[in-house]
N, C-alpha and C. Protein backbone atom coordinates (compact mmCIF):
# COMPACT_ATOMS: atom_id res chain seq x y z
N MET A 1 67.37 -106.80 76.15
CA MET A 1 66.22 -107.13 76.92
C MET A 1 66.52 -106.87 78.33
N ASP A 2 65.61 -106.14 79.05
CA ASP A 2 65.84 -105.81 80.40
C ASP A 2 65.94 -107.05 81.30
N GLN A 3 66.70 -106.98 82.38
CA GLN A 3 66.75 -108.10 83.37
C GLN A 3 65.44 -108.16 84.01
N LEU A 4 65.13 -109.41 84.50
CA LEU A 4 64.02 -109.67 85.23
C LEU A 4 64.20 -109.11 86.66
N ASN A 5 63.28 -108.35 87.16
CA ASN A 5 63.49 -107.67 88.48
C ASN A 5 62.75 -108.56 89.63
N ARG A 6 63.55 -109.15 90.44
CA ARG A 6 62.95 -109.96 91.52
C ARG A 6 64.01 -109.95 92.67
N ARG A 7 63.56 -109.89 93.87
CA ARG A 7 64.40 -109.97 94.97
C ARG A 7 65.28 -111.19 94.85
N LYS A 8 66.61 -111.03 95.23
CA LYS A 8 67.65 -112.00 94.98
C LYS A 8 67.17 -113.38 95.59
N GLU A 9 66.52 -113.29 96.82
CA GLU A 9 66.16 -114.59 97.51
C GLU A 9 65.03 -115.27 96.71
N ARG A 10 64.36 -114.52 95.84
CA ARG A 10 63.25 -115.13 95.17
C ARG A 10 63.56 -115.51 93.75
N GLN A 11 64.74 -115.16 93.23
CA GLN A 11 65.14 -115.50 91.87
C GLN A 11 65.32 -117.02 91.78
N GLY A 12 65.70 -117.70 92.89
CA GLY A 12 65.99 -119.06 92.85
C GLY A 12 67.45 -119.29 92.52
N ASP A 13 67.87 -120.64 92.40
CA ASP A 13 69.23 -120.86 92.12
C ASP A 13 69.27 -121.72 90.81
N ARG A 14 70.51 -121.67 90.25
CA ARG A 14 70.64 -122.33 88.83
C ARG A 14 70.34 -123.80 89.02
N ALA A 15 70.80 -124.45 90.09
CA ALA A 15 70.48 -125.90 90.28
C ALA A 15 69.01 -126.22 90.23
N LEU A 16 68.22 -125.38 90.87
CA LEU A 16 66.82 -125.58 90.78
C LEU A 16 66.27 -125.44 89.41
N LEU A 17 66.80 -124.34 88.73
CA LEU A 17 66.29 -124.19 87.36
C LEU A 17 66.62 -125.32 86.54
N ASP A 18 67.88 -125.88 86.61
CA ASP A 18 68.15 -127.00 85.81
C ASP A 18 67.27 -128.22 86.14
N GLN A 19 67.05 -128.31 87.43
CA GLN A 19 66.19 -129.51 87.94
C GLN A 19 64.78 -129.46 87.29
N ILE A 20 64.18 -128.27 87.25
CA ILE A 20 62.84 -128.04 86.73
C ILE A 20 62.88 -128.36 85.22
N LEU A 21 63.88 -127.74 84.52
CA LEU A 21 63.84 -127.89 83.06
C LEU A 21 64.24 -129.34 82.64
N ASP A 22 64.96 -130.08 83.52
CA ASP A 22 65.26 -131.46 83.16
C ASP A 22 64.11 -132.34 83.40
N GLU A 23 63.23 -132.03 84.44
CA GLU A 23 62.15 -132.88 84.86
C GLU A 23 60.94 -132.64 84.02
N ALA A 24 60.60 -131.41 83.81
CA ALA A 24 59.35 -131.10 83.05
C ALA A 24 59.57 -131.53 81.54
N LYS A 25 58.57 -131.96 80.93
CA LYS A 25 58.58 -132.43 79.54
C LYS A 25 58.04 -131.37 78.58
N VAL A 26 57.10 -130.59 79.06
CA VAL A 26 56.42 -129.54 78.30
C VAL A 26 56.63 -128.18 78.96
N ALA A 27 56.83 -127.21 78.08
CA ALA A 27 56.85 -125.77 78.48
C ALA A 27 56.02 -125.03 77.62
N THR A 28 55.51 -123.83 78.02
CA THR A 28 54.72 -122.94 77.23
C THR A 28 55.61 -121.80 76.72
N VAL A 29 55.68 -121.57 75.34
CA VAL A 29 56.42 -120.56 74.75
C VAL A 29 55.42 -119.45 74.39
N THR A 30 55.76 -118.24 74.83
CA THR A 30 54.82 -117.13 74.57
C THR A 30 55.67 -116.01 73.92
N THR A 31 55.00 -115.26 72.98
CA THR A 31 55.55 -114.15 72.27
C THR A 31 54.35 -113.31 71.80
N VAL A 32 54.66 -112.37 70.93
CA VAL A 32 53.69 -111.52 70.21
C VAL A 32 53.85 -111.66 68.77
N VAL A 33 52.81 -111.97 68.01
CA VAL A 33 52.91 -112.11 66.59
C VAL A 33 51.90 -111.20 66.00
N ASP A 34 52.32 -110.25 65.12
CA ASP A 34 51.46 -109.27 64.46
C ASP A 34 50.56 -108.53 65.53
N GLY A 35 51.17 -108.20 66.65
CA GLY A 35 50.49 -107.40 67.66
C GLY A 35 49.55 -108.23 68.52
N LEU A 36 49.41 -109.48 68.32
CA LEU A 36 48.60 -110.39 69.13
C LEU A 36 49.36 -111.34 69.93
N PRO A 37 48.97 -111.72 71.17
CA PRO A 37 49.60 -112.69 72.01
C PRO A 37 49.57 -114.02 71.39
N TRP A 38 50.59 -114.75 71.46
CA TRP A 38 50.72 -116.13 70.89
C TRP A 38 51.41 -116.99 71.97
N SER A 39 50.74 -118.11 72.24
CA SER A 39 51.30 -119.00 73.30
C SER A 39 51.03 -120.38 72.90
N VAL A 40 52.00 -121.16 73.09
CA VAL A 40 51.77 -122.66 72.69
C VAL A 40 52.67 -123.54 73.55
N PRO A 41 52.07 -124.66 74.01
CA PRO A 41 52.88 -125.69 74.76
C PRO A 41 53.69 -126.50 73.83
N MET A 42 54.96 -126.71 74.24
CA MET A 42 55.95 -127.43 73.31
C MET A 42 56.78 -128.38 74.07
N LEU A 43 57.07 -129.50 73.53
CA LEU A 43 58.09 -130.32 74.04
C LEU A 43 59.47 -129.55 74.02
N PHE A 44 60.33 -129.81 74.99
CA PHE A 44 61.58 -129.11 74.99
C PHE A 44 62.59 -129.96 75.73
N ALA A 45 63.84 -129.59 75.69
CA ALA A 45 64.93 -130.19 76.41
C ALA A 45 66.02 -129.22 76.70
N ARG A 46 66.62 -129.34 77.89
CA ARG A 46 67.71 -128.45 78.26
C ARG A 46 68.95 -129.16 77.82
N HIS A 47 69.85 -128.47 77.14
CA HIS A 47 71.15 -128.97 76.77
C HIS A 47 72.24 -127.94 77.27
N GLY A 48 72.73 -128.23 78.40
CA GLY A 48 73.67 -127.28 78.94
C GLY A 48 73.08 -125.91 79.27
N ASP A 49 73.56 -124.91 78.60
CA ASP A 49 73.00 -123.51 78.80
C ASP A 49 72.02 -122.97 77.72
N GLU A 50 71.44 -124.10 77.03
CA GLU A 50 70.36 -123.70 76.05
C GLU A 50 69.21 -124.59 76.15
N ILE A 51 68.05 -124.03 75.77
CA ILE A 51 66.80 -124.86 75.82
C ILE A 51 66.51 -125.12 74.31
N LEU A 52 66.38 -126.38 73.94
CA LEU A 52 66.09 -126.87 72.64
C LEU A 52 64.54 -127.04 72.38
N LEU A 53 64.12 -126.34 71.27
CA LEU A 53 62.72 -126.37 70.78
C LEU A 53 62.73 -126.88 69.42
N HIS A 54 61.67 -127.51 68.99
CA HIS A 54 61.55 -127.88 67.59
C HIS A 54 60.18 -127.86 67.11
N GLY A 55 59.98 -127.87 65.78
CA GLY A 55 58.73 -127.91 65.20
C GLY A 55 58.87 -127.94 63.69
N SER A 56 57.70 -127.96 62.97
CA SER A 56 57.75 -128.02 61.61
C SER A 56 58.28 -126.72 60.90
N THR A 57 58.96 -126.89 59.81
CA THR A 57 59.44 -125.71 59.11
C THR A 57 58.28 -124.94 58.54
N GLY A 58 57.02 -125.57 58.50
CA GLY A 58 55.91 -124.82 57.95
C GLY A 58 55.12 -124.00 59.04
N ALA A 59 55.60 -124.17 60.29
CA ALA A 59 54.88 -123.43 61.42
C ALA A 59 55.18 -121.96 61.30
N GLY A 60 54.22 -121.13 61.00
CA GLY A 60 54.48 -119.67 60.83
C GLY A 60 54.98 -118.98 62.08
N ALA A 61 54.36 -119.30 63.23
CA ALA A 61 54.77 -118.68 64.49
C ALA A 61 56.20 -119.09 64.92
N LEU A 62 56.58 -120.29 64.68
CA LEU A 62 57.94 -120.70 64.95
C LEU A 62 58.92 -119.95 64.07
N ARG A 63 58.61 -119.81 62.93
CA ARG A 63 59.49 -118.99 61.98
C ARG A 63 59.57 -117.56 62.54
N HIS A 64 58.50 -116.99 63.03
CA HIS A 64 58.54 -115.69 63.63
C HIS A 64 59.54 -115.55 64.77
N ILE A 65 59.51 -116.51 65.69
CA ILE A 65 60.45 -116.44 66.82
C ILE A 65 61.79 -116.73 66.43
N ALA A 66 62.03 -117.54 65.40
CA ALA A 66 63.29 -117.87 64.88
C ALA A 66 63.97 -116.67 64.23
N ALA A 67 63.04 -115.72 63.83
CA ALA A 67 63.64 -114.53 63.25
C ALA A 67 64.04 -113.49 64.35
N GLY A 68 64.06 -113.74 65.58
CA GLY A 68 64.50 -112.87 66.61
C GLY A 68 63.56 -112.17 67.52
N ALA A 69 62.24 -112.69 67.52
CA ALA A 69 61.27 -112.09 68.41
C ALA A 69 61.57 -112.52 69.83
N PRO A 70 61.36 -111.60 70.88
CA PRO A 70 61.57 -111.98 72.25
C PRO A 70 60.47 -112.92 72.64
N VAL A 71 60.94 -113.97 73.52
CA VAL A 71 60.00 -114.94 73.98
C VAL A 71 60.18 -115.20 75.48
N ALA A 72 59.10 -115.77 76.06
CA ALA A 72 59.14 -116.18 77.47
C ALA A 72 58.73 -117.64 77.41
N LEU A 73 59.55 -118.53 78.04
CA LEU A 73 59.25 -119.94 78.20
C LEU A 73 58.98 -120.22 79.70
N SER A 74 57.82 -120.87 79.92
CA SER A 74 57.52 -121.21 81.32
C SER A 74 57.32 -122.71 81.48
N ALA A 75 57.80 -123.27 82.53
CA ALA A 75 57.68 -124.71 82.86
C ALA A 75 57.15 -124.75 84.32
N PHE A 76 56.18 -125.77 84.57
CA PHE A 76 55.61 -125.89 85.88
C PHE A 76 55.48 -127.35 86.19
N ILE A 77 55.85 -127.66 87.49
CA ILE A 77 55.71 -129.02 87.98
C ILE A 77 54.87 -128.98 89.21
N ALA A 78 53.76 -129.70 89.24
CA ALA A 78 52.91 -129.82 90.48
C ALA A 78 53.45 -130.96 91.35
N ASP A 79 53.78 -130.65 92.56
CA ASP A 79 54.38 -131.60 93.50
C ASP A 79 53.37 -132.10 94.53
N GLY A 80 52.31 -131.40 94.72
CA GLY A 80 51.28 -131.86 95.66
C GLY A 80 50.28 -130.88 96.14
N LEU A 81 49.19 -131.32 96.62
CA LEU A 81 48.17 -130.40 97.18
C LEU A 81 48.47 -130.12 98.61
N VAL A 82 48.19 -128.94 99.07
CA VAL A 82 48.39 -128.55 100.48
C VAL A 82 46.92 -128.30 101.06
N VAL A 83 46.58 -129.19 102.01
CA VAL A 83 45.19 -129.10 102.50
C VAL A 83 45.12 -128.54 103.88
N ALA A 84 44.47 -127.37 104.00
CA ALA A 84 44.42 -126.61 105.20
C ALA A 84 43.05 -126.79 105.92
N ASP A 85 42.85 -126.15 107.01
CA ASP A 85 41.54 -126.23 107.70
C ASP A 85 40.61 -125.20 107.26
N THR A 86 41.04 -124.22 106.37
CA THR A 86 40.17 -123.27 105.65
C THR A 86 40.48 -123.30 104.20
N LEU A 87 39.43 -122.99 103.46
CA LEU A 87 39.62 -122.96 101.97
C LEU A 87 40.64 -121.88 101.63
N PHE A 88 40.63 -120.78 102.42
CA PHE A 88 41.49 -119.61 102.11
C PHE A 88 43.01 -120.05 102.10
N ASP A 89 43.30 -120.96 102.93
CA ASP A 89 44.74 -121.46 103.14
C ASP A 89 45.10 -122.67 102.33
N HIS A 90 44.19 -123.28 101.64
CA HIS A 90 44.55 -124.35 100.67
C HIS A 90 45.58 -123.84 99.71
N SER A 91 46.50 -124.72 99.25
CA SER A 91 47.55 -124.35 98.37
C SER A 91 48.10 -125.54 97.54
N MET A 92 49.20 -125.38 96.97
CA MET A 92 49.81 -126.41 96.16
C MET A 92 51.35 -126.35 96.29
N ASN A 93 52.02 -127.40 96.43
CA ASN A 93 53.44 -127.45 96.37
C ASN A 93 53.84 -127.54 94.88
N TYR A 94 54.85 -126.85 94.50
CA TYR A 94 55.18 -126.79 93.00
C TYR A 94 56.58 -126.28 92.91
N ARG A 95 57.11 -126.44 91.66
CA ARG A 95 58.30 -125.84 91.16
C ARG A 95 58.02 -125.22 89.79
N SER A 96 58.45 -123.94 89.62
CA SER A 96 58.21 -123.36 88.26
C SER A 96 59.43 -122.54 87.90
N ALA A 97 59.53 -122.36 86.56
CA ALA A 97 60.61 -121.58 85.98
C ALA A 97 60.13 -120.83 84.82
N VAL A 98 60.64 -119.56 84.66
CA VAL A 98 60.37 -118.77 83.44
C VAL A 98 61.81 -118.25 82.92
N VAL A 99 61.97 -118.55 81.62
CA VAL A 99 63.23 -118.11 80.97
C VAL A 99 62.77 -117.23 79.79
N ARG A 100 63.42 -116.00 79.84
CA ARG A 100 63.16 -115.06 78.70
C ARG A 100 64.39 -114.94 77.94
N GLY A 101 64.15 -114.55 76.64
CA GLY A 101 65.30 -114.32 75.71
C GLY A 101 64.93 -114.18 74.26
N VAL A 102 65.83 -114.34 73.43
CA VAL A 102 65.69 -114.30 71.99
C VAL A 102 66.14 -115.52 71.37
N ILE A 103 65.30 -116.18 70.57
CA ILE A 103 65.65 -117.48 70.00
C ILE A 103 66.80 -117.24 69.02
N GLU A 104 67.65 -118.32 69.00
CA GLU A 104 68.75 -118.28 68.11
C GLU A 104 69.03 -119.76 67.65
N LYS A 105 70.01 -119.91 66.77
CA LYS A 105 70.33 -121.19 66.21
C LYS A 105 71.05 -121.96 67.29
N SER A 106 70.76 -123.23 67.41
CA SER A 106 71.31 -124.11 68.40
C SER A 106 72.83 -124.26 68.05
N SER A 107 73.61 -124.50 69.18
CA SER A 107 74.99 -124.80 69.05
C SER A 107 75.23 -126.18 68.47
N LEU A 108 74.16 -127.00 68.49
CA LEU A 108 74.22 -128.43 67.97
C LEU A 108 73.68 -128.32 66.52
N ASP A 109 74.24 -129.31 65.65
CA ASP A 109 73.62 -129.36 64.30
C ASP A 109 72.16 -130.02 64.51
N PRO A 110 71.38 -129.87 63.44
CA PRO A 110 69.94 -130.33 63.66
C PRO A 110 69.85 -131.72 64.02
N ALA A 111 70.63 -132.74 63.54
CA ALA A 111 70.56 -134.08 63.88
C ALA A 111 70.90 -134.33 65.31
N GLN A 112 71.92 -133.65 65.85
CA GLN A 112 72.37 -133.73 67.25
C GLN A 112 71.26 -133.15 68.15
N ALA A 113 70.69 -131.99 67.76
CA ALA A 113 69.70 -131.33 68.49
C ALA A 113 68.37 -132.23 68.66
N LEU A 114 67.94 -132.89 67.60
CA LEU A 114 66.80 -133.77 67.55
C LEU A 114 67.01 -134.87 68.35
N THR A 115 68.24 -135.52 68.34
CA THR A 115 68.54 -136.62 69.18
C THR A 115 68.61 -136.27 70.64
N ALA A 116 69.18 -135.11 70.98
CA ALA A 116 69.19 -134.65 72.38
C ALA A 116 67.87 -134.45 72.91
N LEU A 117 66.93 -133.90 72.16
CA LEU A 117 65.59 -133.57 72.50
C LEU A 117 64.84 -134.93 72.69
N SER A 118 64.98 -135.85 71.77
CA SER A 118 64.31 -137.16 71.91
C SER A 118 64.74 -137.93 73.09
N ASP A 119 66.03 -137.92 73.29
CA ASP A 119 66.58 -138.75 74.43
C ASP A 119 66.24 -138.11 75.74
N SER A 120 65.99 -136.78 75.78
CA SER A 120 65.52 -136.14 76.96
C SER A 120 64.15 -136.64 77.34
N ILE A 121 63.28 -136.80 76.38
CA ILE A 121 61.94 -137.22 76.54
C ILE A 121 61.87 -138.78 76.79
N LEU A 122 62.51 -139.53 76.05
CA LEU A 122 62.61 -141.03 76.25
C LEU A 122 64.12 -141.45 76.18
N PRO A 123 64.81 -141.48 77.32
CA PRO A 123 66.17 -141.75 77.32
C PRO A 123 66.51 -143.11 76.75
N GLY A 124 67.55 -143.05 75.83
CA GLY A 124 67.98 -144.33 75.21
C GLY A 124 67.33 -144.61 73.88
N ARG A 125 66.26 -143.95 73.61
CA ARG A 125 65.51 -144.36 72.33
C ARG A 125 66.33 -144.13 71.03
N SER A 126 67.18 -143.21 71.06
CA SER A 126 67.96 -142.87 69.82
C SER A 126 68.78 -144.07 69.38
N ALA A 127 69.29 -144.86 70.40
CA ALA A 127 70.08 -146.07 70.05
C ALA A 127 69.25 -147.22 69.50
N GLU A 128 67.96 -147.09 69.59
CA GLU A 128 67.08 -148.23 69.11
C GLU A 128 66.46 -148.06 67.83
N VAL A 129 66.57 -146.86 67.30
CA VAL A 129 65.87 -146.53 65.93
C VAL A 129 66.89 -146.06 64.92
N PRO A 130 66.50 -146.07 63.60
CA PRO A 130 67.50 -145.55 62.65
C PRO A 130 67.72 -144.06 62.82
N PRO A 131 68.87 -143.61 62.30
CA PRO A 131 69.11 -142.08 62.41
C PRO A 131 68.19 -141.33 61.66
N HIS A 132 68.15 -139.94 61.87
CA HIS A 132 67.24 -139.18 61.12
C HIS A 132 67.60 -139.16 59.68
N THR A 133 66.59 -139.08 58.78
CA THR A 133 66.85 -138.98 57.35
C THR A 133 66.90 -137.49 56.99
N SER A 134 67.53 -137.26 55.78
CA SER A 134 67.72 -135.88 55.36
C SER A 134 66.46 -135.21 55.11
N LYS A 135 65.36 -135.96 54.75
CA LYS A 135 64.07 -135.40 54.51
C LYS A 135 63.39 -134.98 55.91
N GLN A 136 63.61 -135.78 56.89
CA GLN A 136 63.11 -135.45 58.19
C GLN A 136 63.72 -134.18 58.77
N LEU A 137 65.16 -134.11 58.60
CA LEU A 137 65.76 -132.92 59.01
C LEU A 137 65.40 -131.66 58.33
N ALA A 138 65.14 -131.81 56.99
CA ALA A 138 64.71 -130.64 56.17
C ALA A 138 63.37 -130.15 56.53
N ALA A 139 62.49 -131.02 57.16
CA ALA A 139 61.15 -130.63 57.52
C ALA A 139 61.00 -130.07 58.88
N THR A 140 62.22 -130.15 59.66
CA THR A 140 62.21 -129.79 61.04
C THR A 140 62.98 -128.47 61.36
N LEU A 141 62.41 -127.67 62.16
CA LEU A 141 63.10 -126.39 62.60
C LEU A 141 63.53 -126.58 63.98
N VAL A 142 64.79 -126.50 64.23
CA VAL A 142 65.36 -126.70 65.56
C VAL A 142 65.81 -125.29 66.11
N LEU A 143 65.25 -124.85 67.23
CA LEU A 143 65.60 -123.61 67.79
C LEU A 143 66.17 -123.75 69.15
N SER A 144 66.90 -122.60 69.58
CA SER A 144 67.48 -122.69 70.83
C SER A 144 67.19 -121.28 71.62
N LEU A 145 66.87 -121.46 72.95
CA LEU A 145 66.71 -120.33 73.82
C LEU A 145 67.85 -120.34 74.78
N PRO A 146 68.83 -119.41 74.75
CA PRO A 146 69.92 -119.38 75.63
C PRO A 146 69.51 -119.20 77.12
N ILE A 147 70.05 -119.76 77.99
CA ILE A 147 69.84 -119.52 79.44
C ILE A 147 70.91 -118.55 79.86
N ILE A 148 70.53 -117.32 80.16
CA ILE A 148 71.36 -116.18 80.51
C ILE A 148 71.05 -115.63 81.95
N ASP A 149 72.05 -115.41 82.66
CA ASP A 149 71.90 -114.88 84.09
C ASP A 149 71.10 -113.62 84.02
N GLY A 150 70.07 -113.38 84.83
CA GLY A 150 69.30 -112.18 84.86
C GLY A 150 68.04 -112.33 83.92
N GLN A 151 67.94 -113.40 83.23
CA GLN A 151 66.84 -113.65 82.26
C GLN A 151 65.93 -114.82 82.64
N TRP A 152 66.10 -115.32 83.92
CA TRP A 152 65.31 -116.43 84.35
C TRP A 152 64.88 -116.25 85.84
N ILE A 153 63.79 -116.87 86.19
CA ILE A 153 63.35 -116.86 87.53
C ILE A 153 62.79 -118.29 87.87
N THR A 154 63.07 -118.76 89.12
CA THR A 154 62.36 -120.01 89.57
C THR A 154 61.59 -119.63 90.84
N LYS A 155 60.50 -120.34 91.00
CA LYS A 155 59.66 -120.24 92.22
C LYS A 155 59.38 -121.68 92.65
N ALA A 156 59.22 -121.84 93.94
CA ALA A 156 58.89 -123.22 94.44
C ALA A 156 58.24 -123.04 95.78
N ARG A 157 57.32 -124.02 96.14
CA ARG A 157 56.74 -124.10 97.47
C ARG A 157 56.79 -125.54 97.82
N LYS A 158 57.09 -125.76 99.08
CA LYS A 158 57.09 -127.14 99.63
C LYS A 158 56.63 -127.05 101.08
N GLY A 159 56.16 -128.17 101.56
CA GLY A 159 55.79 -128.23 103.01
C GLY A 159 54.22 -128.21 103.20
N GLY A 160 53.77 -128.27 104.35
CA GLY A 160 52.32 -128.25 104.71
C GLY A 160 51.82 -126.85 104.84
N PRO A 161 50.56 -126.76 105.32
CA PRO A 161 49.86 -125.51 105.46
C PRO A 161 50.46 -124.63 106.56
N GLY A 162 51.24 -125.17 107.40
CA GLY A 162 51.86 -124.34 108.42
C GLY A 162 50.93 -123.84 109.56
N ASP A 163 49.86 -124.46 109.73
CA ASP A 163 48.87 -123.99 110.82
C ASP A 163 48.81 -125.14 111.92
N ASP A 164 49.68 -124.98 112.92
CA ASP A 164 49.70 -125.96 113.99
C ASP A 164 48.46 -125.93 114.89
N ASP A 165 47.69 -124.83 114.83
CA ASP A 165 46.49 -124.71 115.65
C ASP A 165 45.22 -125.05 114.87
N ALA A 166 45.34 -125.80 113.74
CA ALA A 166 44.21 -126.13 112.95
C ALA A 166 43.11 -126.93 113.79
N ALA A 167 41.87 -126.67 113.50
CA ALA A 167 40.81 -127.40 114.22
C ALA A 167 40.63 -128.78 113.64
N GLY A 168 40.88 -128.98 112.40
CA GLY A 168 40.69 -130.32 111.76
C GLY A 168 41.94 -130.85 111.14
N TRP A 169 41.79 -131.84 110.30
CA TRP A 169 42.96 -132.45 109.56
C TRP A 169 43.48 -131.49 108.56
N THR A 170 44.88 -131.44 108.52
CA THR A 170 45.58 -130.65 107.51
C THR A 170 46.75 -131.53 107.10
N GLY A 171 47.26 -131.26 105.93
CA GLY A 171 48.47 -132.06 105.48
C GLY A 171 48.73 -131.86 104.02
N GLU A 172 49.43 -132.83 103.50
CA GLU A 172 49.91 -132.69 102.12
C GLU A 172 49.52 -134.00 101.37
N VAL A 173 49.14 -133.81 100.11
CA VAL A 173 48.87 -134.96 99.12
C VAL A 173 49.91 -134.96 98.05
N PRO A 174 50.93 -135.77 98.08
CA PRO A 174 51.96 -135.65 97.10
C PRO A 174 51.35 -136.04 95.69
N MET A 175 51.92 -135.49 94.60
CA MET A 175 51.58 -135.70 93.29
C MET A 175 52.83 -136.10 92.51
N ARG A 176 52.74 -137.03 91.49
CA ARG A 176 53.92 -137.37 90.68
C ARG A 176 53.33 -137.96 89.39
N VAL A 177 54.24 -137.96 88.37
CA VAL A 177 53.83 -138.50 87.10
C VAL A 177 54.18 -140.06 87.18
N VAL A 178 53.23 -140.84 86.75
CA VAL A 178 53.48 -142.28 86.76
C VAL A 178 53.09 -142.73 85.33
N TYR A 179 53.99 -143.59 84.76
CA TYR A 179 53.86 -144.13 83.45
C TYR A 179 52.99 -145.37 83.65
N GLY A 180 52.02 -145.59 82.72
CA GLY A 180 51.16 -146.78 82.65
C GLY A 180 51.86 -147.91 81.96
N GLU A 181 51.06 -149.01 81.72
CA GLU A 181 51.69 -150.15 80.98
C GLU A 181 51.61 -149.77 79.48
N PRO A 182 52.70 -150.11 78.78
CA PRO A 182 52.78 -149.76 77.36
C PRO A 182 51.63 -150.50 76.60
N VAL A 183 51.06 -149.76 75.62
CA VAL A 183 49.96 -150.35 74.79
C VAL A 183 50.58 -150.67 73.43
N THR A 184 50.72 -151.87 73.02
CA THR A 184 51.39 -152.35 71.79
C THR A 184 50.45 -152.05 70.57
N HIS A 185 51.05 -151.49 69.53
CA HIS A 185 50.40 -151.20 68.28
C HIS A 185 50.93 -152.03 67.18
N THR A 186 52.19 -152.45 67.26
CA THR A 186 52.77 -153.35 66.20
C THR A 186 53.51 -154.55 66.88
N ALA A 187 53.80 -155.52 66.02
CA ALA A 187 54.51 -156.66 66.58
C ALA A 187 55.91 -156.40 67.00
N GLY A 188 56.44 -157.22 67.90
CA GLY A 188 57.78 -157.02 68.38
C GLY A 188 57.82 -156.77 69.90
N ASP A 189 59.01 -156.82 70.40
CA ASP A 189 59.24 -156.72 71.91
C ASP A 189 59.16 -155.23 72.25
N VAL A 190 58.61 -155.00 73.42
CA VAL A 190 58.69 -153.64 73.97
C VAL A 190 60.16 -153.16 74.13
N PRO A 191 60.56 -152.16 73.48
CA PRO A 191 62.04 -151.74 73.63
C PRO A 191 62.45 -151.37 75.04
N GLU A 192 63.79 -151.53 75.29
CA GLU A 192 64.34 -151.27 76.64
C GLU A 192 64.01 -149.87 77.10
N SER A 193 64.11 -148.94 76.22
CA SER A 193 63.82 -147.53 76.60
C SER A 193 62.44 -147.33 77.20
N VAL A 194 61.49 -148.04 76.66
CA VAL A 194 60.08 -148.02 77.15
C VAL A 194 59.96 -148.75 78.48
N ARG A 195 60.56 -149.95 78.49
CA ARG A 195 60.49 -150.73 79.70
C ARG A 195 61.09 -150.06 80.94
N ARG A 196 62.08 -149.21 80.65
CA ARG A 196 62.77 -148.49 81.76
C ARG A 196 61.87 -147.36 82.42
N LEU A 197 60.73 -147.03 81.70
CA LEU A 197 59.82 -146.00 82.24
C LEU A 197 59.06 -146.53 83.42
N GLY A 198 58.89 -147.78 83.51
CA GLY A 198 57.95 -148.31 84.50
C GLY A 198 58.56 -148.36 85.92
């Protein structure tokens, strides 16, 4: 696979890539299946130098990428609105990453990979629930996208509109993910992993 061509100062740095992949919970995986574009949002987790993906063993497109089809994974975090004094100059502060490559088997066994993925989404939850059953593991496909130099790009914007001569108000409106109050569906105490989200 050819390297991504982008000026060095625009490729971003590995620390920013890891930050984006660790903070984002959902990424879009894109490939071509039978000559047609295929794109799906998926939960994911970074584990060292690989990105873990999972799905049902019955998912045809996932089996396709598991067989070695090239993919692109993109993650995006909106950090705020940039409000200028003209519509033309309105913008958004953000961080984004694109990782390309070929899917391969994870360096982790399926149980470890699923636990790493789950704890990335809800830290500490794996210690509160029973381990995966063999039936659950058999029904789950765990995939890995290696993070390889030259096969990823990060982009980011921060700051205000940069127009000190604006005629009216300009500024930034920060954005962030905020968890709401847990909604109970069964009896029992709210687990510690969920309480820590607040």
